[in-house]
Amino acid sequence: MIYEFINMNGYGLYVWSSFIFTLVCFISLYTVIKLQLVKEQKKFKTKYFDLTKDVSETVRKQETYKEILAFTNISKI
C-alpha cells in the first residue's frame, strides 16, 4: 500500500522530485531573505543607534525612521 502511494501509478518519480525541488527552493528563498534582513538590520543599527542626542532626536522625527520601526515590530522572521 505504501509502495503504491509512493509510486503513484508510475508518476511518483515526477511528483516527488517536483515536490522536493519546490521545498528546496522555498527553503533557500527563506534563507536568503532572512540573511538579507539581518544584514539590513545591522546597517540600520550602525547608522541610527550610535548617534549623539541632538542628532538622534532629529532622526526620530523623520517619517522614514518611524516606518522602519513600525515594520520591524511586526516582522517576526
PDB file of N, CA and C in Angstrom:
ATOM      1  N   MET A   1       0.811  -1.193   0.000  1.00  0.00           N
ATOM      2  CA  MET A   1       0.000   0.000   0.000  1.00  0.00           C
ATOM      3  C   MET A   1       0.860   1.264   0.000  1.00  0.00           C
ATOM      4  N   ILE A   2       1.903   1.283   0.817  1.00  0.00           N
ATOM      5  CA  ILE A   2       2.780   2.453   0.843  1.00  0.00           C
ATOM      6  C   ILE A   2       3.536   2.565  -0.475  1.00  0.00           C
ATOM      7  N   TYR A   3       3.936   1.433  -1.020  1.00  0.00           N
ATOM      8  CA  TYR A   3       4.627   1.455  -2.310  1.00  0.00           C
ATOM      9  C   TYR A   3       3.733   2.040  -3.393  1.00  0.00           C
ATOM     10  N   GLU A   4       2.444   1.705  -3.381  1.00  0.00           N
ATOM     11  CA  GLU A   4       1.508   2.264  -4.362  1.00  0.00           C
ATOM     12  C   GLU A   4       1.380   3.773  -4.198  1.00  0.00           C
ATOM     13  N   PHE A   5       1.375   4.231  -2.949  1.00  0.00           N
ATOM     14  CA  PHE A   5       1.292   5.673  -2.704  1.00  0.00           C
ATOM     15  C   PHE A   5       2.546   6.391  -3.203  1.00  0.00           C
ATOM     16  N   ILE A   6       3.705   5.806  -2.943  1.00  0.00           N
ATOM     17  CA  ILE A   6       4.960   6.423  -3.390  1.00  0.00           C
ATOM     18  C   ILE A   6       5.097   6.344  -4.902  1.00  0.00           C
ATOM     19  N   ASN A   7       4.699   5.239  -5.491  1.00  0.00           N
ATOM     20  CA  ASN A   7       4.836   5.043  -6.933  1.00  0.00           C
ATOM     21  C   ASN A   7       3.827   5.876  -7.727  1.00  0.00           C
ATOM     22  N   MET A   8       2.607   6.045  -7.228  1.00  0.00           N
ATOM     23  CA  MET A   8       1.531   6.827  -7.854  1.00  0.00           C
ATOM     24  C   MET A   8       1.297   6.421  -9.306  1.00  0.00           C
ATOM     25  N   ASN A   9       1.121   5.156  -9.525  1.00  0.00           N
ATOM     26  CA  ASN A   9       0.847   4.601 -10.860  1.00  0.00           C
ATOM     27  C   ASN A   9       1.911   4.992 -11.889  1.00  0.00           C
ATOM     28  N   GLY A  10       3.151   5.043 -11.466  1.00  0.00           N
ATOM     29  CA  GLY A  10       4.241   5.342 -12.387  1.00  0.00           C
ATOM     30  C   GLY A  10       4.619   6.813 -12.448  1.00  0.00           C
ATOM     31  N   TYR A  11       3.840   7.694 -11.810  1.00  0.00           N
ATOM     32  CA  TYR A  11       4.126   9.125 -11.841  1.00  0.00           C
ATOM     33  C   TYR A  11       4.830   9.613 -10.574  1.00  0.00           C
ATOM     34  N   GLY A  12       5.099   8.735  -9.671  1.00  0.00           N
ATOM     35  CA  GLY A  12       5.692   9.099  -8.387  1.00  0.00           C
ATOM     36  C   GLY A  12       7.037   9.785  -8.510  1.00  0.00           C
ATOM     37  N   LEU A  13       7.859   9.312  -9.441  1.00  0.00           N
ATOM     38  CA  LEU A  13       9.174   9.918  -9.623  1.00  0.00           C
ATOM     39  C   LEU A  13       9.048  11.398  -9.961  1.00  0.00           C
ATOM     40  N   TYR A  14       8.140  11.742 -10.842  1.00  0.00           N
ATOM     41  CA  TYR A  14       7.958  13.140 -11.254  1.00  0.00           C
ATOM     42  C   TYR A  14       7.317  13.968 -10.144  1.00  0.00           C
ATOM     43  N   VAL A  15       6.331  13.389  -9.481  1.00  0.00           N
ATOM     44  CA  VAL A  15       5.622  14.116  -8.422  1.00  0.00           C
ATOM     45  C   VAL A  15       6.559  14.387  -7.249  1.00  0.00           C
ATOM     46  N   TRP A  16       7.257  13.359  -6.772  1.00  0.00           N
ATOM     47  CA  TRP A  16       8.105  13.544  -5.607  1.00  0.00           C
ATOM     48  C   TRP A  16       9.330  14.400  -5.917  1.00  0.00           C
ATOM     49  N   SER A  17       9.874  14.277  -7.123  1.00  0.00           N
ATOM     50  CA  SER A  17      11.022  15.128  -7.461  1.00  0.00           C
ATOM     51  C   SER A  17      10.608  16.592  -7.558  1.00  0.00           C
ATOM     52  N   SER A  18       9.421  16.867  -8.108  1.00  0.00           N
ATOM     53  CA  SER A  18       8.966  18.261  -8.161  1.00  0.00           C
ATOM     54  C   SER A  18       8.636  18.782  -6.766  1.00  0.00           C
ATOM     55  N   PHE A  19       8.102  17.928  -5.910  1.00  0.00           N
ATOM     56  CA  PHE A  19       7.822  18.323  -4.536  1.00  0.00           C
ATOM     57  C   PHE A  19       9.112  18.673  -3.798  1.00  0.00           C
ATOM     58  N   ILE A  20      10.127  17.834  -3.942  1.00  0.00           N
ATOM     59  CA  ILE A  20      11.412  18.088  -3.290  1.00  0.00           C
ATOM     60  C   ILE A  20      12.064  19.342  -3.859  1.00  0.00           C
ATOM     61  N   PHE A  21      12.006  19.539  -5.169  1.00  0.00           N
ATOM     62  CA  PHE A  21      12.566  20.731  -5.794  1.00  0.00           C
ATOM     63  C   PHE A  21      11.890  21.992  -5.255  1.00  0.00           C
ATOM     64  N   THR A  22      10.568  21.970  -5.149  1.00  0.00           N
ATOM     65  CA  THR A  22       9.836  23.118  -4.629  1.00  0.00           C
ATOM     66  C   THR A  22      10.205  23.389  -3.178  1.00  0.00           C
ATOM     67  N   LEU A  23      10.310  22.353  -2.387  1.00  0.00           N
ATOM     68  CA  LEU A  23      10.679  22.504  -0.989  1.00  0.00           C
ATOM     69  C   LEU A  23      12.082  23.102  -0.843  1.00  0.00           C
ATOM     70  N   VAL A  24      13.021  22.631  -1.648  1.00  0.00           N
ATOM     71  CA  VAL A  24      14.385  23.166  -1.615  1.00  0.00           C
ATOM     72  C   VAL A  24      14.395  24.631  -2.029  1.00  0.00           C
ATOM     73  N   CYS A  25      13.608  24.988  -3.037  1.00  0.00           N
ATOM     74  CA  CYS A  25      13.536  26.389  -3.474  1.00  0.00           C
ATOM     75  C   CYS A  25      12.958  27.278  -2.380  1.00  0.00           C
ATOM     76  N   PHE A  26      11.915  26.838  -1.715  1.00  0.00           N
ATOM     77  CA  PHE A  26      11.320  27.623  -0.638  1.00  0.00           C
ATOM     78  C   PHE A  26      12.297  27.812   0.521  1.00  0.00           C
ATOM     79  N   ILE A  27      12.993  26.757   0.877  1.00  0.00           N
ATOM     80  CA  ILE A  27      13.953  26.857   1.978  1.00  0.00           C
ATOM     81  C   ILE A  27      15.098  27.796   1.625  1.00  0.00           C
ATOM     82  N   SER A  28      15.605  27.688   0.405  1.00  0.00           N
ATOM     83  CA  SER A  28      16.705  28.574   0.004  1.00  0.00           C
ATOM     84  C   SER A  28      16.230  30.024  -0.092  1.00  0.00           C
ATOM     85  N   LEU A  29      15.022  30.248  -0.578  1.00  0.00           N
ATOM     86  CA  LEU A  29      14.487  31.603  -0.649  1.00  0.00           C
ATOM     87  C   LEU A  29      14.321  32.195   0.744  1.00  0.00           C
ATOM     88  N   TYR A  30      13.794  31.407   1.671  1.00  0.00           N
ATOM     89  CA  TYR A  30      13.641  31.861   3.052  1.00  0.00           C
ATOM     90  C   TYR A  30      14.998  32.213   3.655  1.00  0.00           C
ATOM     91  N   THR A  31      15.994  31.379   3.416  1.00  0.00           N
ATOM     92  CA  THR A  31      17.328  31.614   3.967  1.00  0.00           C
ATOM     93  C   THR A  31      17.940  32.889   3.410  1.00  0.00           C
ATOM     94  N   VAL A  32      17.824  33.098   2.117  1.00  0.00           N
ATOM     95  CA  VAL A  32      18.378  34.301   1.502  1.00  0.00           C
ATOM     96  C   VAL A  32      17.697  35.551   2.050  1.00  0.00           C
ATOM     97  N   ILE A  33      16.384  35.525   2.146  1.00  0.00           N
ATOM     98  CA  ILE A  33      15.650  36.678   2.651  1.00  0.00           C
ATOM     99  C   ILE A  33      16.002  36.938   4.116  1.00  0.00           C
ATOM    100  N   LYS A  34      16.134  35.894   4.902  1.00  0.00           N
ATOM    101  CA  LYS A  34      16.498  36.037   6.314  1.00  0.00           C
ATOM    102  C   LYS A  34      17.877  36.662   6.453  1.00  0.00           C
ATOM    103  N   LEU A  35      18.836  36.220   5.657  1.00  0.00           N
ATOM    104  CA  LEU A  35      20.189  36.788   5.702  1.00  0.00           C
ATOM    105  C   LEU A  35      20.190  38.252   5.281  1.00  0.00           C
ATOM    106  N   GLN A  36      19.408  38.592   4.263  1.00  0.00           N
ATOM    107  CA  GLN A  36      19.325  39.982   3.837  1.00  0.00           C
ATOM    108  C   GLN A  36      18.685  40.858   4.910  1.00  0.00           C
ATOM    109  N   LEU A  37      17.676  40.334   5.584  1.00  0.00           N
ATOM    110  CA  LEU A  37      17.023  41.080   6.655  1.00  0.00           C
ATOM    111  C   LEU A  37      17.998  41.364   7.789  1.00  0.00           C
ATOM    112  N   VAL A  38      18.758  40.369   8.188  1.00  0.00           N
ATOM    113  CA  VAL A  38      19.730  40.555   9.261  1.00  0.00           C
ATOM    114  C   VAL A  38      20.785  41.574   8.850  1.00  0.00           C
ATOM    115  N   LYS A  39      21.229  41.503   7.611  1.00  0.00           N
ATOM    116  CA  LYS A  39      22.220  42.448   7.101  1.00  0.00           C
ATOM    117  C   LYS A  39      21.682  43.874   7.128  1.00  0.00           C
ATOM    118  N   GLU A  40      20.447  44.065   6.676  1.00  0.00           N
ATOM    119  CA  GLU A  40      19.849  45.403   6.670  1.00  0.00           C
ATOM    120  C   GLU A  40      19.598  45.913   8.086  1.00  0.00           C
ATOM    121  N   GLN A  41      19.237  45.028   9.003  1.00  0.00           N
ATOM    122  CA  GLN A  41      19.049  45.443  10.392  1.00  0.00           C
ATOM    123  C   GLN A  41      20.362  45.895  11.016  1.00  0.00           C
ATOM    124  N   LYS A  42      21.442  45.213  10.702  1.00  0.00           N
ATOM    125  CA  LYS A  42      22.753  45.624  11.212  1.00  0.00           C
ATOM    126  C   LYS A  42      23.146  46.987  10.659  1.00  0.00           C
ATOM    127  N   LYS A  43      22.910  47.200   9.361  1.00  0.00           N
ATOM    128  CA  LYS A  43      23.213  48.501   8.765  1.00  0.00           C
ATOM    129  C   LYS A  43      22.382  49.599   9.413  1.00  0.00           C
ATOM    130  N   PHE A  44      21.116  49.308   9.687  1.00  0.00           N
ATOM    131  CA  PHE A  44      20.237  50.286  10.315  1.00  0.00           C
ATOM    132  C   PHE A  44      20.716  50.622  11.725  1.00  0.00           C
ATOM    133  N   LYS A  45      21.097  49.604  12.467  1.00  0.00           N
ATOM    134  CA  LYS A  45      21.561  49.835  13.839  1.00  0.00           C
ATOM    135  C   LYS A  45      22.842  50.657  13.866  1.00  0.00           C
ATOM    136  N   THR A  46      23.778  50.355  12.980  1.00  0.00           N
ATOM    137  CA  THR A  46      25.031  51.114  12.967  1.00  0.00           C
ATOM    138  C   THR A  46      24.803  52.554  12.531  1.00  0.00           C
ATOM    139  N   LYS A  47      23.794  52.769  11.715  1.00  0.00           N
ATOM    140  CA  LYS A  47      23.551  54.123  11.228  1.00  0.00           C
ATOM    141  C   LYS A  47      22.779  54.970  12.234  1.00  0.00           C
ATOM    142  N   TYR A  48      21.837  54.383  12.958  1.00  0.00           N
ATOM    143  CA  TYR A  48      20.933  55.190  13.766  1.00  0.00           C
ATOM    144  C   TYR A  48      21.063  55.021  15.275  1.00  0.00           C
ATOM    145  N   PHE A  49      21.694  53.999  15.783  1.00  0.00           N
ATOM    146  CA  PHE A  49      21.715  53.796  17.227  1.00  0.00           C
ATOM    147  C   PHE A  49      22.978  54.294  17.910  1.00  0.00           C
ATOM    148  N   ASP A  50      23.955  54.746  17.174  1.00  0.00           N
ATOM    149  CA  ASP A  50      25.179  55.283  17.774  1.00  0.00           C
ATOM    150  C   ASP A  50      25.315  56.778  17.506  1.00  0.00           C
ATOM    151  N   LEU A  51      24.221  57.492  17.565  1.00  0.00           N
ATOM    152  CA  LEU A  51      24.236  58.920  17.288  1.00  0.00           C
ATOM    153  C   LEU A  51      24.228  59.723  18.588  1.00  0.00           C
ATOM    154  N   THR A  52      24.593  60.999  18.465  1.00  0.00           N
ATOM    155  CA  THR A  52      24.503  61.876  19.629  1.00  0.00           C
ATOM    156  C   THR A  52      23.039  62.184  19.916  1.00  0.00           C
ATOM    157  N   LYS A  53      22.767  62.768  21.050  1.00  0.00           N
ATOM    158  CA  LYS A  53      21.390  63.008  21.469  1.00  0.00           C
ATOM    159  C   LYS A  53      20.682  63.983  20.534  1.00  0.00           C
ATOM    160  N   ASP A  54      21.369  65.022  20.093  1.00  0.00           N
ATOM    161  CA  ASP A  54      20.748  66.014  19.200  1.00  0.00           C
ATOM    162  C   ASP A  54      20.405  65.406  17.845  1.00  0.00           C
ATOM    163  N   VAL A  55      21.324  64.649  17.313  1.00  0.00           N
ATOM    164  CA  VAL A  55      21.107  64.041  16.006  1.00  0.00           C
ATOM    165  C   VAL A  55      20.029  62.965  16.100  1.00  0.00           C
ATOM    166  N   SER A  56      20.020  62.222  17.197  1.00  0.00           N
ATOM    167  CA  SER A  56      19.028  61.162  17.330  1.00  0.00           C
ATOM    168  C   SER A  56      17.613  61.730  17.439  1.00  0.00           C
ATOM    169  N   GLU A  57      17.450  62.865  18.061  1.00  0.00           N
ATOM    170  CA  GLU A  57      16.126  63.499  18.128  1.00  0.00           C
ATOM    171  C   GLU A  57      15.666  63.930  16.739  1.00  0.00           C
ATOM    172  N   THR A  58      16.575  64.430  15.937  1.00  0.00           N
ATOM    173  CA  THR A  58      16.239  64.821  14.564  1.00  0.00           C
ATOM    174  C   THR A  58      15.840  63.603  13.739  1.00  0.00           C
ATOM    175  N   VAL A  59      16.561  62.518  13.917  1.00  0.00           N
ATOM    176  CA  VAL A  59      16.272  61.294  13.162  1.00  0.00           C
ATOM    177  C   VAL A  59      14.922  60.711  13.579  1.00  0.00           C
ATOM    178  N   ARG A  60      14.620  60.751  14.863  1.00  0.00           N
ATOM    179  CA  ARG A  60      13.358  60.185  15.350  1.00  0.00           C
ATOM    180  C   ARG A  60      12.148  60.926  14.788  1.00  0.00           C
ATOM    181  N   LYS A  61      12.326  62.151  14.413  1.00  0.00           N
ATOM    182  CA  LYS A  61      11.220  62.930  13.848  1.00  0.00           C
ATOM    183  C   LYS A  61      10.989  62.619  12.374  1.00  0.00           C
ATOM    184  N   GLN A  62      11.942  61.966  11.739  1.00  0.00           N
ATOM    185  CA  GLN A  62      11.801  61.649  10.322  1.00  0.00           C
ATOM    186  C   GLN A  62      10.780  60.540  10.125  1.00  0.00           C
ATOM    187  N   GLU A  63      10.027  60.653   9.048  1.00  0.00           N
ATOM    188  CA  GLU A  63       8.972  59.673   8.780  1.00  0.00           C
ATOM    189  C   GLU A  63       9.539  58.312   8.399  1.00  0.00           C
ATOM    190  N   THR A  64      10.653  58.289   7.712  1.00  0.00           N
ATOM    191  CA  THR A  64      11.259  57.028   7.298  1.00  0.00           C
ATOM    192  C   THR A  64      11.645  56.190   8.516  1.00  0.00           C
ATOM    193  N   TYR A  65      12.185  56.832   9.512  1.00  0.00           N
ATOM    194  CA  TYR A  65      12.579  56.128  10.736  1.00  0.00           C
ATOM    195  C   TYR A  65      11.364  55.498  11.400  1.00  0.00           C
ATOM    196  N   LYS A  66      10.274  56.231  11.462  1.00  0.00           N
ATOM    197  CA  LYS A  66       9.051  55.711  12.079  1.00  0.00           C
ATOM    198  C   LYS A  66       8.491  54.536  11.289  1.00  0.00           C
ATOM    199  N   GLU A  67       8.562  54.601   9.969  1.00  0.00           N
ATOM    200  CA  GLU A  67       8.073  53.492   9.146  1.00  0.00           C
ATOM    201  C   GLU A  67       8.912  52.245   9.356  1.00  0.00           C
ATOM    202  N   ILE A  68      10.218  52.406   9.437  1.00  0.00           N
ATOM    203  CA  ILE A  68      11.103  51.252   9.626  1.00  0.00           C
ATOM    204  C   ILE A  68      10.833  50.612  10.980  1.00  0.00           C
ATOM    205  N   LEU A  69      10.694  51.410  12.005  1.00  0.00           N
ATOM    206  CA  LEU A  69      10.414  50.855  13.332  1.00  0.00           C
ATOM    207  C   LEU A  69       9.065  50.179  13.382  1.00  0.00           C
ATOM    208  N   ALA A  70       8.090  50.728  12.694  1.00  0.00           N
ATOM    209  CA  ALA A  70       6.750  50.113  12.686  1.00  0.00           C
ATOM    210  C   ALA A  70       6.783  48.728  12.055  1.00  0.00           C
ATOM    211  N   PHE A  71       7.546  48.565  10.996  1.00  0.00           N
ATOM    212  CA  PHE A  71       7.600  47.278  10.319  1.00  0.00           C
ATOM    213  C   PHE A  71       8.489  46.274  11.039  1.00  0.00           C
ATOM    214  N   THR A  72       9.515  46.718  11.752  1.00  0.00           N
ATOM    215  CA  THR A  72      10.372  45.764  12.451  1.00  0.00           C
ATOM    216  C   THR A  72       9.659  45.165  13.650  1.00  0.00           C
ATOM    217  N   ASN A  73       8.710  45.864  14.220  1.00  0.00           N
ATOM    218  CA  ASN A  73       7.976  45.308  15.343  1.00  0.00           C
ATOM    219  C   ASN A  73       6.996  44.238  14.889  1.00  0.00           C
ATOM    220  N   ILE A  74       6.501  44.341  13.678  1.00  0.00           N
ATOM    221  CA  ILE A  74       5.540  43.366  13.150  1.00  0.00           C
ATOM    222  C   ILE A  74       6.246  42.118  12.669  1.00  0.00           C
ATOM    223  N   SER A  75       7.368  42.292  12.002  1.00  0.00           N
ATOM    224  CA  SER A  75       8.077  41.170  11.395  1.00  0.00           C
ATOM    225  C   SER A  75       8.706  40.287  12.462  1.00  0.00           C
ATOM    226  N   LYS A  76       8.396  38.993  12.420  1.00  0.00           N
ATOM    227  CA  LYS A  76       8.961  38.046  13.372  1.00  0.00           C
ATOM    228  C   LYS A  76       9.846  37.026  12.682  1.00  0.00           C
ATOM    229  N   ILE A  77      10.372  37.349  11.525  1.00  0.00           N
ATOM    230  CA  ILE A  77      11.216  36.412  10.770  1.00  0.00           C
ATOM    231  C   ILE A  77      12.527  36.222  11.472  1.00  0.00           C
TER     232      ILE A  77
END
